Amino acid sequence: MKFALITEGPSEHRIIKHIIAKYFKDHDPEINQIQPKIVNEKQETTGGWNEVLKYCEREELKDIFVENNYLIVQIDTDQSQIKPFNISHTKQNAETKEVVNKTIGELYVDVVEKLKGLIKPEILAAHSDKIFFAVCIHTIECWLLPLYYSNNRKSETRNCLGTLNTELRRQNIDTIPMKDKNNSKSIRTYETILRDWRRKRDIINSAQHNPAFKKFTDALNVIEVADD
């Protein structure tokens, strides 16, 4: 069982890799990072959401399936309103004409459709059942909040890194700086956090508090059923 990953960066890679490793522990999954290139925990090529979008458009996306069974595409939505992402967080209410926030479900669907629209039709037609989307609303750190909060903050989708750092600080754990999420201290902090996801059940329990995270784990369940 081999998974290829396209992620925004090393921290996102680290979290998705941990989820896959725990989810398919009995299948001994092999995880191959495609974009950005990461060697010995160091990012060697440009990352970010724009590079995720650009890689989805590439002809060589089809080559991923020569040596991998599945592809996971991860992207955050915090910058989705910026060109060339162009997915708004808001919509116009059909009745009142007021501008309102999209629901998490609506934003998730819009982002997945955007990503699918970037993939060449022939590649999508041949491999759509092997491509899975980890859409993080609004950042992947939102998925980690249930590990530290039991109140309503476990379901927050805004300023999740700041919210996470508040509890890390309270527990005397090194915080993760927004502009340097991949320094040596931050890597150790992510490793400390992820240790609390010991089993598949732990991940499923966390996902119940974030609809987009749950959509991702539900998709992974389909993979497991198919392999069984």
C-alpha atoms as a PDB file:
ATOM      1  CA  MET A   1       0.000   0.000   0.000  1.00  0.00           C
ATOM      2  CA  LYS A   2       1.718   3.164  -1.233  1.00  0.00           C
ATOM      3  CA  PHE A   3       0.533   6.746  -0.753  1.00  0.00           C
ATOM      4  CA  ALA A   4       1.864   9.799  -2.570  1.00  0.00           C
ATOM      5  CA  LEU A   5       1.432  13.145  -0.831  1.00  0.00           C
ATOM      6  CA  ILE A   6       1.086  16.649  -2.219  1.00  0.00           C
ATOM      7  CA  THR A   7       1.017  19.076   0.712  1.00  0.00           C
ATOM      8  CA  GLU A   8       1.609  22.741   1.382  1.00  0.00           C
ATOM      9  CA  GLY A   9       4.773  22.065   3.365  1.00  0.00           C
ATOM     10  CA  PRO A  10       6.667  19.861   5.840  1.00  0.00           C
ATOM     11  CA  SER A  11       4.355  20.428   8.813  1.00  0.00           C
ATOM     12  CA  GLU A  12       1.318  19.407   6.775  1.00  0.00           C
ATOM     13  CA  HIS A  13       3.288  16.452   5.397  1.00  0.00           C
ATOM     14  CA  ARG A  14       4.157  15.392   8.917  1.00  0.00           C
ATOM     15  CA  ILE A  15       0.540  15.422  10.095  1.00  0.00           C
ATOM     16  CA  ILE A  16      -0.903  13.636   7.046  1.00  0.00           C
ATOM     17  CA  LYS A  17       1.891  11.064   7.175  1.00  0.00           C
ATOM     18  CA  HIS A  18       1.132  10.326  10.827  1.00  0.00           C
ATOM     19  CA  ILE A  19      -2.581   9.943  10.098  1.00  0.00           C
ATOM     20  CA  ILE A  20      -1.917   7.503   7.254  1.00  0.00           C
ATOM     21  CA  ALA A  21       0.606   5.524   9.294  1.00  0.00           C
ATOM     22  CA  LYS A  22      -1.839   5.067  12.169  1.00  0.00           C
ATOM     23  CA  TYR A  23      -4.892   4.546  10.002  1.00  0.00           C
ATOM     24  CA  PHE A  24      -3.306   1.751   7.987  1.00  0.00           C
ATOM     25  CA  LYS A  25      -0.897   0.400  10.557  1.00  0.00           C
ATOM     26  CA  ASP A  26      -1.803  -3.207   9.756  1.00  0.00           C
ATOM     27  CA  HIS A  27      -1.143  -2.605   6.054  1.00  0.00           C
ATOM     28  CA  ASP A  28       2.400  -1.238   6.556  1.00  0.00           C
ATOM     29  CA  PRO A  29       1.825   1.833   4.319  1.00  0.00           C
ATOM     30  CA  GLU A  30       4.663   3.404   2.358  1.00  0.00           C
ATOM     31  CA  ILE A  31       4.406   7.179   2.131  1.00  0.00           C
ATOM     32  CA  ASN A  32       6.097   9.142  -0.651  1.00  0.00           C
ATOM     33  CA  GLN A  33       6.231  12.932  -0.518  1.00  0.00           C
ATOM     34  CA  ILE A  34       5.868  14.397  -4.016  1.00  0.00           C
ATOM     35  CA  GLN A  35       5.368  18.155  -3.487  1.00  0.00           C
ATOM     36  CA  PRO A  36       7.259  19.864  -1.947  1.00  0.00           C
ATOM     37  CA  LYS A  37      10.303  17.632  -1.977  1.00  0.00           C
ATOM     38  CA  ILE A  38      11.382  16.893   1.602  1.00  0.00           C
ATOM     39  CA  VAL A  39      14.679  15.234   2.496  1.00  0.00           C
ATOM     40  CA  ASN A  40      15.687  14.531   6.117  1.00  0.00           C
ATOM     41  CA  GLU A  41      12.893  16.775   7.421  1.00  0.00           C
ATOM     42  CA  LYS A  42      14.119  19.649   5.225  1.00  0.00           C
ATOM     43  CA  GLN A  43      12.054  21.221   2.461  1.00  0.00           C
ATOM     44  CA  GLU A  44      14.108  21.292  -0.745  1.00  0.00           C
ATOM     45  CA  THR A  45      11.609  22.755  -3.221  1.00  0.00           C
ATOM     46  CA  THR A  46       9.119  25.611  -3.032  1.00  0.00           C
ATOM     47  CA  GLY A  47       5.961  24.856  -1.074  1.00  0.00           C
ATOM     48  CA  GLY A  48       2.690  26.623  -0.301  1.00  0.00           C
ATOM     49  CA  TRP A  49      -0.873  26.489  -1.568  1.00  0.00           C
ATOM     50  CA  ASN A  50      -0.013  27.961  -4.966  1.00  0.00           C
ATOM     51  CA  GLU A  51       2.439  25.128  -5.640  1.00  0.00           C
ATOM     52  CA  VAL A  52      -0.245  22.606  -4.704  1.00  0.00           C
ATOM     53  CA  LEU A  53      -2.540  24.149  -7.304  1.00  0.00           C
ATOM     54  CA  LYS A  54       0.169  24.190  -9.947  1.00  0.00           C
ATOM     55  CA  TYR A  55       1.137  20.577  -9.348  1.00  0.00           C
ATOM     56  CA  CYS A  56      -2.458  19.451  -9.803  1.00  0.00           C
ATOM     57  CA  GLU A  57      -2.314  20.904 -13.331  1.00  0.00           C
ATOM     58  CA  ARG A  58       0.820  19.031 -14.351  1.00  0.00           C
ATOM     59  CA  GLU A  59       0.790  16.296 -16.978  1.00  0.00           C
ATOM     60  CA  GLU A  60       3.172  14.202 -14.872  1.00  0.00           C
ATOM     61  CA  LEU A  61       0.525  13.874 -12.181  1.00  0.00           C
ATOM     62  CA  LYS A  62      -0.407  10.640 -13.952  1.00  0.00           C
ATOM     63  CA  ASP A  63       3.097   9.267 -13.344  1.00  0.00           C
ATOM     64  CA  ILE A  64       2.416   9.228  -9.603  1.00  0.00           C
ATOM     65  CA  PHE A  65       0.161   6.210 -10.081  1.00  0.00           C
ATOM     66  CA  VAL A  66       2.879   4.126 -11.700  1.00  0.00           C
ATOM     67  CA  GLU A  67       4.492   3.479  -8.312  1.00  0.00           C
ATOM     68  CA  ASN A  68       1.763   4.573  -5.877  1.00  0.00           C
ATOM     69  CA  ASN A  69      -1.702   3.204  -5.148  1.00  0.00           C
ATOM     70  CA  TYR A  70      -3.190   6.476  -3.889  1.00  0.00           C
ATOM     71  CA  LEU A  71      -2.612  10.226  -4.022  1.00  0.00           C
ATOM     72  CA  ILE A  72      -3.550  12.586  -1.207  1.00  0.00           C
ATOM     73  CA  VAL A  73      -3.730  16.312  -2.008  1.00  0.00           C
ATOM     74  CA  GLN A  74      -3.649  18.569   1.074  1.00  0.00           C
ATOM     75  CA  ILE A  75      -4.439  22.268   1.037  1.00  0.00           C
ATOM     76  CA  ASP A  76      -5.465  24.906   3.590  1.00  0.00           C
ATOM     77  CA  THR A  77      -8.273  27.379   2.900  1.00  0.00           C
ATOM     78  CA  ASP A  78      -7.030  30.363   4.913  1.00  0.00           C
ATOM     79  CA  GLN A  79      -5.697  31.971   1.722  1.00  0.00           C
ATOM     80  CA  SER A  80      -8.295  30.581  -0.675  1.00  0.00           C
ATOM     81  CA  GLN A  81      -9.756  34.001  -1.508  1.00  0.00           C
ATOM     82  CA  ILE A  82      -6.457  35.088  -3.052  1.00  0.00           C
ATOM     83  CA  LYS A  83      -5.719  34.710  -6.771  1.00  0.00           C
ATOM     84  CA  PRO A  84      -5.197  32.218  -8.351  1.00  0.00           C
ATOM     85  CA  PHE A  85      -7.011  30.117  -5.713  1.00  0.00           C
ATOM     86  CA  ASN A  86     -10.143  32.263  -6.089  1.00  0.00           C
ATOM     87  CA  ILE A  87     -12.440  30.428  -3.693  1.00  0.00           C
ATOM     88  CA  SER A  88     -14.377  32.922  -1.578  1.00  0.00           C
ATOM     89  CA  HIS A  89     -15.237  32.267   2.067  1.00  0.00           C
ATOM     90  CA  THR A  90     -18.548  34.045   1.558  1.00  0.00           C
ATOM     91  CA  LYS A  91     -21.614  33.858  -0.658  1.00  0.00           C
ATOM     92  CA  GLN A  92     -24.693  35.946  -1.348  1.00  0.00           C
ATOM     93  CA  ASN A  93     -27.842  34.817   0.400  1.00  0.00           C
ATOM     94  CA  ALA A  94     -30.348  33.978  -2.348  1.00  0.00           C
ATOM     95  CA  GLU A  95     -33.295  35.509  -0.496  1.00  0.00           C
ATOM     96  CA  THR A  96     -31.888  38.492   1.385  1.00  0.00           C
ATOM     97  CA  LYS A  97     -29.003  39.214  -1.011  1.00  0.00           C
ATOM     98  CA  GLU A  98     -26.791  39.684   2.045  1.00  0.00           C
ATOM     99  CA  VAL A  99     -23.197  38.447   1.970  1.00  0.00           C
ATOM    100  CA  VAL A 100     -22.821  35.607   4.462  1.00  0.00           C
ATOM    101  CA  ASN A 101     -20.112  33.113   5.330  1.00  0.00           C
ATOM    102  CA  LYS A 102     -20.205  29.785   3.550  1.00  0.00           C
ATOM    103  CA  THR A 103     -20.671  26.750   5.756  1.00  0.00           C
ATOM    104  CA  ILE A 104     -17.678  24.453   6.210  1.00  0.00           C
ATOM    105  CA  GLY A 105     -19.424  21.949   3.963  1.00  0.00           C
ATOM    106  CA  GLU A 106     -19.963  24.487   1.200  1.00  0.00           C
ATOM    107  CA  LEU A 107     -16.381  25.711   1.320  1.00  0.00           C
ATOM    108  CA  TYR A 108     -15.101  22.132   1.308  1.00  0.00           C
ATOM    109  CA  VAL A 109     -17.116  21.281  -1.805  1.00  0.00           C
ATOM    110  CA  ASP A 110     -15.963  24.429  -3.614  1.00  0.00           C
ATOM    111  CA  VAL A 111     -12.283  23.696  -2.899  1.00  0.00           C
ATOM    112  CA  VAL A 112     -12.537  20.048  -3.962  1.00  0.00           C
ATOM    113  CA  GLU A 113     -14.226  21.097  -7.199  1.00  0.00           C
ATOM    114  CA  LYS A 114     -11.450  23.632  -7.772  1.00  0.00           C
ATOM    115  CA  LEU A 115      -8.770  20.976  -7.324  1.00  0.00           C
ATOM    116  CA  LYS A 116     -10.573  18.475  -9.527  1.00  0.00           C
ATOM    117  CA  GLY A 117     -10.987  21.164 -12.173  1.00  0.00           C
ATOM    118  CA  LEU A 118      -7.221  21.683 -12.288  1.00  0.00           C
ATOM    119  CA  ILE A 119      -6.466  18.005 -12.870  1.00  0.00           C
ATOM    120  CA  LYS A 120      -6.446  17.036 -16.526  1.00  0.00           C
ATOM    121  CA  PRO A 121      -9.751  15.314 -17.383  1.00  0.00           C
ATOM    122  CA  GLU A 122      -8.103  12.132 -18.662  1.00  0.00           C
ATOM    123  CA  ILE A 123      -6.066  11.766 -15.460  1.00  0.00           C
ATOM    124  CA  LEU A 124      -9.099  12.372 -13.269  1.00  0.00           C
ATOM    125  CA  ALA A 125     -11.162   9.886 -15.279  1.00  0.00           C
ATOM    126  CA  ALA A 126      -8.516   7.193 -14.941  1.00  0.00           C
ATOM    127  CA  HIS A 127      -7.655   7.722 -11.260  1.00  0.00           C
ATOM    128  CA  SER A 128     -10.500   9.572  -9.536  1.00  0.00           C
ATOM    129  CA  ASP A 129     -11.077   6.666  -7.135  1.00  0.00           C
ATOM    130  CA  LYS A 130      -7.437   6.868  -6.064  1.00  0.00           C
ATOM    131  CA  ILE A 131      -7.241  10.613  -5.397  1.00  0.00           C
ATOM    132  CA  PHE A 132      -8.224  11.922  -1.957  1.00  0.00           C
ATOM    133  CA  PHE A 133      -8.415  15.504  -0.769  1.00  0.00           C
ATOM    134  CA  ALA A 134      -7.350  16.695   2.685  1.00  0.00           C
ATOM    135  CA  VAL A 135      -8.987  20.119   2.690  1.00  0.00           C
ATOM    136  CA  CYS A 136      -8.128  21.916   5.928  1.00  0.00           C
ATOM    137  CA  ILE A 137     -10.554  24.658   6.946  1.00  0.00           C
ATOM    138  CA  HIS A 138      -8.852  26.923   7.532  1.00  0.00           C
ATOM    139  CA  THR A 139      -5.493  25.362   8.504  1.00  0.00           C
ATOM    140  CA  ILE A 140      -4.370  21.859   9.359  1.00  0.00           C
ATOM    141  CA  GLU A 141      -3.692  22.933  12.959  1.00  0.00           C
ATOM    142  CA  CYS A 142      -7.482  23.121  13.400  1.00  0.00           C
ATOM    143  CA  TRP A 143      -7.451  19.324  13.204  1.00  0.00           C
ATOM    144  CA  LEU A 144      -5.211  19.207  16.285  1.00  0.00           C
ATOM    145  CA  LEU A 145      -7.388  21.286  18.609  1.00  0.00           C
ATOM    146  CA  PRO A 146      -9.468  18.354  19.975  1.00  0.00           C
ATOM    147  CA  LEU A 147      -6.253  16.939  21.408  1.00  0.00           C
ATOM    148  CA  TYR A 148      -6.008  19.938  23.747  1.00  0.00           C
ATOM    149  CA  TYR A 149      -9.513  21.309  24.172  1.00  0.00           C
ATOM    150  CA  SER A 150     -12.745  19.771  25.419  1.00  0.00           C
ATOM    151  CA  ASN A 151     -14.869  22.937  25.082  1.00  0.00           C
ATOM    152  CA  ASN A 152     -16.130  24.676  21.948  1.00  0.00           C
ATOM    153  CA  ARG A 153     -12.597  25.686  20.982  1.00  0.00           C
ATOM    154  CA  LYS A 154     -11.959  22.139  19.750  1.00  0.00           C
ATOM    155  CA  SER A 155     -14.134  22.952  16.715  1.00  0.00           C
ATOM    156  CA  GLU A 156     -12.690  26.344  15.837  1.00  0.00           C
ATOM    157  CA  THR A 157     -11.589  27.025  12.280  1.00  0.00           C
ATOM    158  CA  ARG A 158      -9.977  30.460  12.619  1.00  0.00           C
ATOM    159  CA  ASN A 159      -6.640  31.365  14.200  1.00  0.00           C
ATOM    160  CA  CYS A 160      -6.153  27.696  15.045  1.00  0.00           C
ATOM    161  CA  LEU A 161      -2.390  27.919  15.422  1.00  0.00           C
ATOM    162  CA  GLY A 162      -2.804  30.750  17.936  1.00  0.00           C
ATOM    163  CA  THR A 163      -5.445  28.757  19.803  1.00  0.00           C
ATOM    164  CA  LEU A 164      -3.212  25.686  19.796  1.00  0.00           C
ATOM    165  CA  ASN A 165      -0.237  27.714  21.030  1.00  0.00           C
ATOM    166  CA  THR A 166      -2.276  29.052  23.949  1.00  0.00           C
ATOM    167  CA  GLU A 167      -2.690  25.549  25.324  1.00  0.00           C
ATOM    168  CA  LEU A 168       0.841  24.475  24.417  1.00  0.00           C
ATOM    169  CA  ARG A 169       2.162  27.440  26.388  1.00  0.00           C
ATOM    170  CA  ARG A 170      -0.003  26.507  29.357  1.00  0.00           C
ATOM    171  CA  GLN A 171       1.468  23.007  29.297  1.00  0.00           C
ATOM    172  CA  ASN A 172       5.036  24.308  28.985  1.00  0.00           C
ATOM    173  CA  ILE A 173       5.422  22.923  25.469  1.00  0.00           C
ATOM    174  CA  ASP A 174       7.348  24.969  22.902  1.00  0.00           C
ATOM    175  CA  THR A 175       4.934  26.970  20.755  1.00  0.00           C
ATOM    176  CA  ILE A 176       4.921  26.911  16.944  1.00  0.00           C
ATOM    177  CA  PRO A 177       5.704  30.284  15.330  1.00  0.00           C
ATOM    178  CA  MET A 178       3.483  31.164  12.377  1.00  0.00           C
ATOM    179  CA  LYS A 179       6.408  32.185  10.177  1.00  0.00           C
ATOM    180  CA  ASP A 180       8.739  29.313  11.095  1.00  0.00           C
ATOM    181  CA  LYS A 181       6.637  26.189  11.526  1.00  0.00           C
ATOM    182  CA  ASN A 182       9.488  23.911  10.487  1.00  0.00           C
ATOM    183  CA  ASN A 183      12.359  24.857  12.766  1.00  0.00           C
ATOM    184  CA  SER A 184      13.806  22.169  15.026  1.00  0.00           C
ATOM    185  CA  LYS A 185      11.722  23.189  18.063  1.00  0.00           C
ATOM    186  CA  SER A 186       8.527  23.220  16.013  1.00  0.00           C
ATOM    187  CA  ILE A 187       9.270  19.764  14.616  1.00  0.00           C
ATOM    188  CA  ARG A 188       9.651  18.424  18.154  1.00  0.00           C
ATOM    189  CA  THR A 189       6.387  20.115  19.144  1.00  0.00           C
ATOM    190  CA  TYR A 190       4.489  18.528  16.263  1.00  0.00           C
ATOM    191  CA  GLU A 191       5.957  15.164  17.250  1.00  0.00           C
ATOM    192  CA  THR A 192       4.810  15.710  20.837  1.00  0.00           C
ATOM    193  CA  ILE A 193       1.299  16.609  19.674  1.00  0.00           C
ATOM    194  CA  LEU A 194       0.994  13.692  17.263  1.00  0.00           C
ATOM    195  CA  ARG A 195       1.952  11.159  19.909  1.00  0.00           C
ATOM    196  CA  ASP A 196      -1.553  11.660  21.303  1.00  0.00           C
ATOM    197  CA  TRP A 197      -2.943  10.104  18.132  1.00  0.00           C
ATOM    198  CA  ARG A 198      -1.829   6.638  19.133  1.00  0.00           C
ATOM    199  CA  ARG A 199      -4.509   4.680  17.305  1.00  0.00           C
ATOM    200  CA  LYS A 200      -6.894   5.007  14.396  1.00  0.00           C
ATOM    201  CA  ARG A 201      -9.721   5.482  16.915  1.00  0.00           C
ATOM    202  CA  ASP A 202      -7.975   8.531  18.393  1.00  0.00           C
ATOM    203  CA  ILE A 203      -7.875  10.154  14.964  1.00  0.00           C
ATOM    204  CA  ILE A 204     -11.531   9.334  14.260  1.00  0.00           C
ATOM    205  CA  ASN A 205     -12.524  10.849  17.606  1.00  0.00           C
ATOM    206  CA  SER A 206     -10.715  14.093  16.795  1.00  0.00           C
ATOM    207  CA  ALA A 207     -12.227  14.246  13.321  1.00  0.00           C
ATOM    208  CA  GLN A 208     -15.765  14.284  14.714  1.00  0.00           C
ATOM    209  CA  HIS A 209     -15.216  17.914  15.749  1.00  0.00           C
ATOM    210  CA  ASN A 210     -14.173  19.219  12.326  1.00  0.00           C
ATOM    211  CA  PRO A 211     -16.434  18.452   9.328  1.00  0.00           C
ATOM    212  CA  ALA A 212     -13.666  18.765   6.736  1.00  0.00           C
ATOM    213  CA  PHE A 213     -11.354  16.524   8.746  1.00  0.00           C
ATOM    214  CA  LYS A 214     -14.188  13.991   9.049  1.00  0.00           C
ATOM    215  CA  LYS A 215     -14.678  13.986   5.281  1.00  0.00           C
ATOM    216  CA  PHE A 216     -11.022  13.041   4.928  1.00  0.00           C
ATOM    217  CA  THR A 217     -11.180  10.204   7.462  1.00  0.00           C
ATOM    218  CA  ASP A 218     -14.429   8.959   5.923  1.00  0.00           C
ATOM    219  CA  ALA A 219     -12.591   8.736   2.588  1.00  0.00           C
ATOM    220  CA  LEU A 220      -9.788   6.762   4.224  1.00  0.00           C
ATOM    221  CA  ASN A 221     -12.379   4.315   5.530  1.00  0.00           C
ATOM    222  CA  VAL A 222     -13.398   3.635   1.923  1.00  0.00           C
ATOM    223  CA  ILE A 223      -9.796   2.734   1.108  1.00  0.00           C
ATOM    224  CA  GLU A 224      -9.639   0.292   3.978  1.00  0.00           C
ATOM    225  CA  VAL A 225     -12.901  -1.410   3.017  1.00  0.00           C
ATOM    226  CA  ALA A 226     -11.718  -1.744  -0.579  1.00  0.00           C
ATOM    227  CA  ASP A 227      -8.444  -3.327   0.506  1.00  0.00           C
ATOM    228  CA  ASP A 228     -10.152  -5.737   2.890  1.00  0.00           C
END
